[in-house]
């Protein structure tokens, strides 16, 4: 077997071509890993807001809160369900909310985008315990005050503490606080008073959804059977975690597919580049190959040596590309959530499997790019190689 030191010294001698090949592979891996991290970020951001012991109630057949309308009289029947946990005084732990989408102008650009507004009750902070005010204060119930998720701050005109914007034409609201929610999708929402949103959009007597805190996660099936079995209610019940999982599918799939298409085209180019580099190495090292064959190294050893060089280059490129992709965790990316038709800010979420997949992707390119040049090198006859050198 040819010593690995030989391969390492060969790469250091051909620094320019080695660096160029590794850099090209690094770009491919960067695109591949970044796309996977963003898709994972989309899924985690949306799913993070869900819990197994919380049920969400929508109009039967509605796939999102935007599509749902629930008559308020029905909410009293829902709140009487025995599976719901109770707080002080036997009050059911539940909230009713209304969701709408408004168009706002972006900061620093002439563009605009949809932003989701959630009309909430006063006790939403006691129900959504992970949501905390990080700047300013909570909005006062029954007023035109709102709070915004931290992902929206300064991204749109008027979305900062002390700012204001039109919730509806001639209906100005004022931002008094910014809240965080552990990186969940709610951080891309505006929270306003439930009655204020109802009045502004003509939705009196209606809510989009209800959220119910269950006595335990195991109580979900019984609750679902009771509520969906009541034909007069015409309601559908889902676990909050499953609901958000489903909401993430469209956007996550789109990001993944687009990223993979770009990565595949780039990978083909990188594999061709690696192949050309290794073919060039074979052509320029005829004397070395002839000497190695004359010293008794077989065709298998030659194939392994040249293939190893290609894999080493690919591994270096893969490591650099993965490291660059890891730096994307500091970048926030706004993507349209096609379940709510509003802009949601996501972050890149790396995981060990994603990094390992990226390294495996790079190694595969290295093997494909180096295989045929390695076979060609093994077929060189020692005497012909020494004569041509």
Protein backbone atom coordinates (compact mmCIF):
# COMPACT_ATOMS: atom_id res chain seq x y z
CA UNK A 1 0.00 0.00 0.00
CA UNK A 2 1.31 3.45 -0.92
CA UNK A 3 1.97 5.54 2.24
CA UNK A 4 -0.56 8.32 2.91
CA UNK A 5 2.36 10.73 3.34
CA UNK A 6 2.84 10.48 -0.43
CA UNK A 7 -0.68 11.78 -1.04
CA UNK A 8 -0.30 14.62 1.44
CA UNK A 9 3.02 15.74 -0.09
CA UNK A 10 1.47 15.54 -3.55
CA UNK A 11 -1.34 17.90 -2.50
CA UNK A 12 1.11 20.40 -0.98
CA UNK A 13 3.13 20.43 -4.21
CA UNK A 14 0.00 21.23 -6.25
CA UNK A 15 -1.27 23.92 -3.89
CA UNK A 16 -3.09 26.07 -6.45
CA UNK A 17 -5.20 23.27 -7.98
CA UNK A 18 -5.79 21.67 -4.58
CA UNK A 19 -7.05 24.93 -3.05
CA UNK A 20 -9.25 25.70 -6.07
CA UNK A 21 -10.84 22.24 -5.98
CA UNK A 22 -11.38 22.32 -2.21
CA UNK A 23 -12.90 25.80 -2.43
CA UNK A 24 -15.33 24.71 -5.14
CA UNK A 25 -16.43 21.75 -3.05
CA UNK A 26 -16.75 24.02 -0.01
CA UNK A 27 -19.23 26.21 -1.88
CA UNK A 28 -21.32 23.19 -2.83
CA UNK A 29 -21.37 21.89 0.75
CA UNK A 30 -22.18 25.37 2.03
CA UNK A 31 -25.29 25.53 -0.17
CA UNK A 32 -26.29 21.95 0.70
CA UNK A 33 -25.86 22.38 4.47
CA UNK A 34 -27.43 25.85 4.57
CA UNK A 35 -30.55 24.63 2.77
CA UNK A 36 -30.94 21.75 5.20
CA UNK A 37 -30.32 24.03 8.20
CA UNK A 38 -32.88 26.55 6.99
CA UNK A 39 -35.48 23.83 6.38
CA UNK A 40 -34.80 22.53 9.89
CA UNK A 41 -35.08 26.10 11.20
CA UNK A 42 -38.46 26.53 9.51
CA UNK A 43 -39.74 23.34 11.10
CA UNK A 44 -38.36 24.09 14.56
CA UNK A 45 -39.60 27.69 14.57
CA UNK A 46 -43.15 26.65 13.80
CA UNK A 47 -43.25 23.46 15.88
CA UNK A 48 -41.56 25.12 18.88
CA UNK A 49 -44.82 26.94 19.70
CA UNK A 50 -46.76 23.69 20.06
CA UNK A 51 -47.34 21.45 23.06
CA UNK A 52 -48.77 17.94 23.36
CA UNK A 53 -50.96 18.89 26.33
CA UNK A 54 -52.61 21.80 24.50
CA UNK A 55 -55.47 21.31 22.03
CA UNK A 56 -56.39 23.79 19.32
CA UNK A 57 -60.01 24.04 18.19
CA UNK A 58 -60.90 25.27 14.70
CA UNK A 59 -63.92 25.16 12.44
CA UNK A 60 -64.18 21.66 11.00
CA UNK A 61 -62.33 21.41 7.69
CA UNK A 62 -60.18 24.52 8.31
CA UNK A 63 -56.48 23.87 7.76
CA UNK A 64 -55.27 27.10 9.36
CA UNK A 65 -56.46 29.75 11.78
CA UNK A 66 -56.97 32.16 8.88
CA UNK A 67 -59.55 29.83 7.35
CA UNK A 68 -61.40 29.27 10.60
CA UNK A 69 -64.42 31.07 12.10
CA UNK A 70 -65.96 29.88 15.35
CA UNK A 71 -69.14 31.46 16.71
CA UNK A 72 -68.53 32.75 20.22
CA UNK A 73 -71.55 30.94 21.74
CA UNK A 74 -69.83 27.65 20.88
CA UNK A 75 -66.79 28.61 22.93
CA UNK A 76 -68.81 28.36 26.15
CA UNK A 77 -69.75 24.77 25.31
CA UNK A 78 -66.12 23.93 24.51
CA UNK A 79 -64.90 25.41 27.80
CA UNK A 80 -67.25 23.15 29.72
CA UNK A 81 -65.40 20.02 28.51
CA UNK A 82 -64.23 17.95 31.51
CA UNK A 83 -60.83 17.20 29.97
CA UNK A 84 -59.71 20.85 30.27
CA UNK A 85 -57.44 21.77 33.16
CA UNK A 86 -58.84 24.26 35.67
CA UNK A 87 -57.21 27.21 37.35
CA UNK A 88 -58.18 29.25 40.38
CA UNK A 89 -61.89 29.20 41.09
CA UNK A 90 -62.37 26.34 38.64
CA UNK A 91 -61.83 28.61 35.62
CA UNK A 92 -60.94 26.57 32.51
CA UNK A 93 -57.42 27.20 31.24
CA UNK A 94 -58.20 28.33 27.72
CA UNK A 95 -57.90 31.30 25.37
CA UNK A 96 -59.82 32.36 22.30
CA UNK A 97 -58.02 34.26 19.57
CA UNK A 98 -58.67 35.84 16.21
CA UNK A 99 -56.08 35.88 13.42
CA UNK A 100 -55.90 38.28 10.47
CA UNK A 101 -53.19 39.35 8.03
CA UNK A 102 -52.33 42.97 7.19
CA UNK A 103 -49.99 44.53 4.63
CA UNK A 104 -47.16 46.67 6.00
CA UNK A 105 -44.34 48.64 4.38
CA UNK A 106 -40.84 47.33 5.00
CA UNK A 107 -38.10 49.45 6.47
CA UNK A 108 -35.20 50.48 4.26
CA UNK A 109 -36.87 49.34 1.04
CA UNK A 110 -39.84 50.15 -1.16
CA UNK A 111 -41.25 46.66 -0.64
CA UNK A 112 -44.07 45.45 1.59
CA UNK A 113 -45.21 42.15 3.01
CA UNK A 114 -47.98 40.41 4.93
CA UNK A 115 -47.77 40.36 8.72
CA UNK A 116 -49.98 38.22 10.94
CA UNK A 117 -52.01 39.96 13.65
CA UNK A 118 -53.38 37.93 16.55
CA UNK A 119 -56.23 39.31 18.62
CA UNK A 120 -55.77 38.01 22.16
CA UNK A 121 -57.51 38.12 25.51
CA UNK A 122 -55.99 39.67 28.62
CA UNK A 123 -55.08 36.30 30.16
CA UNK A 124 -53.06 35.20 27.10
CA UNK A 125 -49.86 35.82 29.09
CA UNK A 126 -50.94 33.36 31.74
CA UNK A 127 -51.75 30.75 29.12
CA UNK A 128 -48.74 31.26 26.83
CA UNK A 129 -46.21 31.25 29.66
CA UNK A 130 -43.18 31.14 27.33
CA UNK A 131 -44.07 34.56 25.90
CA UNK A 132 -42.35 37.32 27.85
CA UNK A 133 -42.05 41.08 27.38
CA UNK A 134 -38.44 41.90 26.49
CA UNK A 135 -38.89 45.63 25.88
CA UNK A 136 -41.55 48.12 26.88
CA UNK A 137 -44.72 46.77 28.53
CA UNK A 138 -47.84 44.76 27.87
CA UNK A 139 -50.71 46.32 25.93
CA UNK A 140 -53.66 47.45 28.03
CA UNK A 141 -56.87 45.48 27.35
CA UNK A 142 -59.58 47.27 25.41
CA UNK A 143 -57.22 49.86 23.93
CA UNK A 144 -55.49 50.51 20.62
CA UNK A 145 -52.17 49.36 22.06
CA UNK A 146 -50.28 46.37 20.61
CA UNK A 147 -47.13 44.41 21.28
CA UNK A 148 -44.92 42.94 18.56
CA UNK A 149 -42.74 39.84 18.35
CA UNK A 150 -39.04 40.60 18.49
CA UNK A 151 -38.48 39.20 14.98
CA UNK A 152 -40.61 42.04 13.60
CA UNK A 153 -38.88 44.88 15.41
CA UNK A 154 -37.65 47.51 12.96
CA UNK A 155 -38.34 45.23 9.95
CA UNK A 156 -41.48 47.20 9.09
CA UNK A 157 -42.32 50.89 9.37
CA UNK A 158 -43.81 51.72 12.75
CA UNK A 159 -42.91 48.38 14.33
CA UNK A 160 -40.85 49.57 17.26
CA UNK A 161 -41.68 50.70 20.78
CA UNK A 162 -43.30 54.11 20.50
CA UNK A 163 -44.18 53.59 16.84
CA UNK A 164 -47.61 53.32 15.28
CA UNK A 165 -49.26 51.92 12.15
CA UNK A 166 -52.69 51.40 10.67
CA UNK A 167 -54.32 48.16 11.70
CA UNK A 168 -57.05 49.04 9.26
CA UNK A 169 -57.64 52.20 7.26
CA UNK A 170 -58.09 55.10 9.68
CA UNK A 171 -57.58 52.72 12.63
CA UNK A 172 -54.20 53.62 14.13
CA UNK A 173 -52.64 51.41 16.78
CA UNK A 174 -49.60 52.09 18.95
CA UNK A 175 -46.71 49.75 19.76
CA UNK A 176 -45.97 49.67 23.50
CA UNK A 177 -43.88 46.54 23.85
CA UNK A 178 -41.81 43.79 22.27
CA UNK A 179 -42.11 40.14 23.34
CA UNK A 180 -40.00 37.03 22.88
CA UNK A 181 -41.22 33.44 22.78
CA UNK A 182 -38.18 31.17 22.71
CA UNK A 183 -37.70 31.66 18.97
CA UNK A 184 -41.19 30.41 18.06
CA UNK A 185 -43.19 31.62 15.06
CA UNK A 186 -45.25 33.86 17.36
CA UNK A 187 -42.24 36.18 17.43
CA UNK A 188 -43.25 37.16 13.88
CA UNK A 189 -46.74 38.23 14.99
CA UNK A 190 -48.43 41.38 16.26
CA UNK A 191 -50.61 40.88 19.34
CA UNK A 192 -53.56 43.23 19.76
CA UNK A 193 -56.66 43.27 21.93
CA UNK A 194 -59.24 40.72 20.79
CA UNK A 195 -62.12 43.21 20.70
CA UNK A 196 -60.01 45.81 18.91
CA UNK A 197 -59.25 43.38 16.07
CA UNK A 198 -62.86 42.22 15.92
CA UNK A 199 -64.14 45.78 15.61
CA UNK A 200 -61.52 46.77 13.02
CA UNK A 201 -62.25 43.82 10.74
CA UNK A 202 -65.97 43.39 11.31
CA UNK A 203 -65.59 40.03 13.03
CA UNK A 204 -67.79 40.65 16.08
CA UNK A 205 -68.98 37.48 17.77
CA UNK A 206 -66.34 35.33 16.05
CA UNK A 207 -62.96 33.85 16.92
CA UNK A 208 -60.49 32.04 14.70
CA UNK A 209 -59.42 29.45 17.23
CA UNK A 210 -59.43 28.29 20.82
CA UNK A 211 -56.54 26.82 22.75
CA UNK A 212 -57.28 24.48 25.63
CA UNK A 213 -54.86 23.35 28.33
CA UNK A 214 -55.56 19.66 28.93
CA UNK A 215 -55.46 17.90 32.28
CA UNK A 216 -52.85 15.68 30.65
CA UNK A 217 -51.65 14.86 27.15
CA UNK A 218 -53.56 11.56 27.41
CA UNK A 219 -56.86 13.46 27.73
CA UNK A 220 -56.70 14.64 24.12
CA UNK A 221 -58.44 11.66 22.51
CA UNK A 222 -61.44 11.91 24.85
CA UNK A 223 -61.74 15.66 24.25
CA UNK A 224 -61.56 15.18 20.50
CA UNK A 225 -64.22 12.48 20.59
CA UNK A 226 -66.57 14.63 22.65
CA UNK A 227 -66.22 17.84 20.65
CA UNK A 228 -66.05 16.40 17.15
CA UNK A 229 -68.89 14.04 17.97
CA UNK A 230 -71.17 17.00 18.66
CA UNK A 231 -72.52 17.80 15.20
CA UNK A 232 -74.03 21.07 16.35
CA UNK A 233 -70.58 22.46 17.09
CA UNK A 234 -69.04 21.55 13.70
CA UNK A 235 -65.55 21.85 15.17
CA UNK A 236 -62.25 20.08 14.59
CA UNK A 237 -59.72 19.40 17.36
CA UNK A 238 -55.96 18.91 16.94
CA UNK A 239 -52.99 18.68 19.24
CA UNK A 240 -51.19 21.99 19.09
CA UNK A 241 -47.88 20.25 18.35
CA UNK A 242 -49.40 18.27 15.45
CA UNK A 243 -51.10 21.41 14.13
CA UNK A 244 -47.82 23.34 13.93
CA UNK A 245 -46.05 20.31 12.49
CA UNK A 246 -48.53 20.30 9.63
CA UNK A 247 -48.24 24.07 9.20
CA UNK A 248 -44.48 23.74 8.69
CA UNK A 249 -44.62 21.10 5.96
CA UNK A 250 -45.23 23.32 2.92
CA UNK A 251 -42.60 25.95 3.65
CA UNK A 252 -40.04 23.43 4.90
CA UNK A 253 -40.47 21.25 1.80
CA UNK A 254 -40.19 24.24 -0.54
CA UNK A 255 -36.95 25.45 1.08
CA UNK A 256 -35.48 21.94 1.03
CA UNK A 257 -36.38 21.26 -2.61
CA UNK A 258 -35.06 24.59 -3.88
CA UNK A 259 -31.86 24.20 -1.87
CA UNK A 260 -31.32 20.66 -3.10
CA UNK A 261 -31.85 21.65 -6.75
CA UNK A 262 -29.18 24.34 -6.44
CA UNK A 263 -26.87 21.99 -4.54
CA UNK A 264 -27.25 19.19 -7.11
CA UNK A 265 -26.37 21.46 -10.04
CA UNK A 266 -23.43 22.83 -8.08
CA UNK A 267 -22.37 19.29 -7.13
CA UNK A 268 -22.27 18.25 -10.79
CA UNK A 269 -19.99 21.19 -11.52
CA UNK A 270 -17.81 20.38 -8.51
CA UNK A 271 -17.54 16.72 -9.50
CA UNK A 272 -16.51 17.72 -13.03
CA UNK A 273 -13.96 20.11 -11.57
CA UNK A 274 -12.55 17.41 -9.31
CA UNK A 275 -12.38 15.00 -12.25
CA UNK A 276 -10.51 17.50 -14.42
CA UNK A 277 -8.11 18.21 -11.55
CA UNK A 278 -7.35 14.54 -11.02
CA UNK A 279 -7.01 13.82 -14.75
CA UNK A 280 -4.51 16.68 -14.90
CA UNK A 281 -2.65 15.17 -11.97
CA UNK A 282 -2.44 11.82 -13.75
CA UNK A 283 -1.14 13.45 -16.95
CA UNK A 284 1.51 15.44 -15.08
CA UNK A 285 2.71 12.59 -12.90
CA UNK A 286 3.45 9.91 -15.46
CA UNK A 287 7.00 9.43 -14.17
CA UNK A 288 5.76 9.06 -10.57
CA UNK A 289 3.19 6.49 -11.62
CA UNK A 290 5.76 4.58 -13.64
CA UNK A 291 8.19 4.62 -10.72
CA UNK A 292 5.53 3.38 -8.32
CA UNK A 293 4.62 0.54 -10.67
CA UNK A 294 8.29 -0.30 -11.17
CA UNK A 295 8.71 -0.47 -7.37
CA UNK A 296 6.06 -3.16 -7.28
CA UNK A 297 2.92 -1.27 -6.32
CA UNK A 298 -0.06 -2.87 -7.99
CA UNK A 299 -2.96 -1.32 -9.89
CA UNK A 300 -5.14 -1.49 -6.79
CA UNK A 301 -2.66 0.56 -4.77
CA UNK A 302 -2.50 3.19 -7.54
CA UNK A 303 -6.31 3.44 -7.69
CA UNK A 304 -6.50 3.76 -3.91
CA UNK A 305 -3.78 6.44 -3.80
CA UNK A 306 -5.36 8.71 -6.41
CA UNK A 307 -8.85 8.11 -5.05
CA UNK A 308 -7.60 8.98 -1.56
CA UNK A 309 -6.25 12.31 -2.82
CA UNK A 310 -9.63 13.17 -4.27
CA UNK A 311 -11.40 12.20 -1.05
CA UNK A 312 -8.97 14.24 1.07
CA UNK A 313 -9.67 17.30 -1.10
CA UNK A 314 -13.40 16.65 -0.80
CA UNK A 315 -13.19 16.22 2.97
CA UNK A 316 -11.28 19.50 3.32
CA UNK A 317 -13.85 21.26 1.15
CA UNK A 318 -16.68 19.63 3.10
CA UNK A 319 -15.22 20.75 6.43
CA UNK A 320 -14.79 24.33 5.19
CA UNK A 321 -18.29 24.40 3.71
CA UNK A 322 -19.84 22.99 6.89
CA UNK A 323 -17.96 25.52 9.02
CA UNK A 324 -19.18 28.36 6.82
CA UNK A 325 -22.74 27.03 7.01
CA UNK A 326 -22.49 26.94 10.82
CA UNK A 327 -21.85 30.68 10.75
CA UNK A 328 -25.32 31.10 9.21
CA UNK A 329 -26.81 30.48 12.66
CA UNK A 330 -26.26 34.19 13.30
CA UNK A 331 -28.36 35.09 10.23
CA UNK A 332 -32.14 35.50 10.28
CA UNK A 333 -34.08 34.83 7.11
CA UNK A 334 -37.62 35.97 6.30
CA UNK A 335 -39.71 33.41 4.40
CA UNK A 336 -43.37 33.39 3.45
CA UNK A 337 -45.28 30.86 5.53
CA UNK A 338 -47.76 29.48 3.02
CA UNK A 339 -50.06 28.20 5.76
CA UNK A 340 -50.72 31.74 7.05
CA UNK A 341 -49.68 33.76 3.97
CA UNK A 342 -47.58 36.00 6.17
CA UNK A 343 -43.87 36.61 6.52
CA UNK A 344 -42.14 34.66 9.27
CA UNK A 345 -38.54 35.16 10.35
CA UNK A 346 -36.54 31.95 10.65
CA UNK A 347 -33.01 31.13 11.69
CA UNK A 348 -30.64 28.42 10.44
CA UNK A 349 -30.73 25.46 12.84
CA UNK A 350 -27.70 23.13 12.54
CA UNK A 351 -27.73 19.59 13.86
CA UNK A 352 -25.10 16.84 13.97
CA UNK A 353 -26.93 14.73 11.33
CA UNK A 354 -27.01 17.71 8.95
CA UNK A 355 -23.26 18.31 9.33
CA UNK A 356 -22.52 14.60 8.87
CA UNK A 357 -24.77 14.51 5.80
CA UNK A 358 -22.89 17.49 4.35
CA UNK A 359 -19.54 15.77 4.91
CA UNK A 360 -20.89 12.58 3.37
CA UNK A 361 -22.18 14.60 0.40
CA UNK A 362 -18.70 16.10 -0.12
CA UNK A 363 -17.01 12.71 0.19
CA UNK A 364 -19.37 11.24 -2.40
CA UNK A 365 -18.46 14.02 -4.83
CA UNK A 366 -14.78 13.31 -4.15
CA UNK A 367 -15.20 9.61 -4.89
CA UNK A 368 -17.14 10.26 -8.09
CA UNK A 369 -14.67 12.92 -9.24
CA UNK A 370 -11.59 10.81 -8.51
CA UNK A 371 -12.69 7.33 -9.53
CA UNK A 372 -12.14 7.44 -13.30
CA UNK A 373 -8.83 9.36 -13.14
CA UNK A 374 -7.63 6.82 -10.55
CA UNK A 375 -8.56 3.93 -12.86
CA UNK A 376 -6.75 5.64 -15.71
CA UNK A 377 -3.65 6.04 -13.55
CA UNK A 378 -3.74 2.33 -12.66
CA UNK A 379 -3.81 1.39 -16.34
CA UNK A 380 -0.58 3.24 -17.15
CA UNK A 381 2.16 0.76 -18.07
CA UNK A 382 5.40 1.36 -16.12
CA UNK A 383 7.67 1.33 -19.19
CA UNK A 384 5.40 3.66 -21.21
CA UNK A 385 5.17 6.06 -18.26
CA UNK A 386 8.94 6.25 -17.83
CA UNK A 387 9.51 6.74 -21.57
CA UNK A 388 6.92 9.54 -21.89
CA UNK A 389 8.25 11.39 -18.86
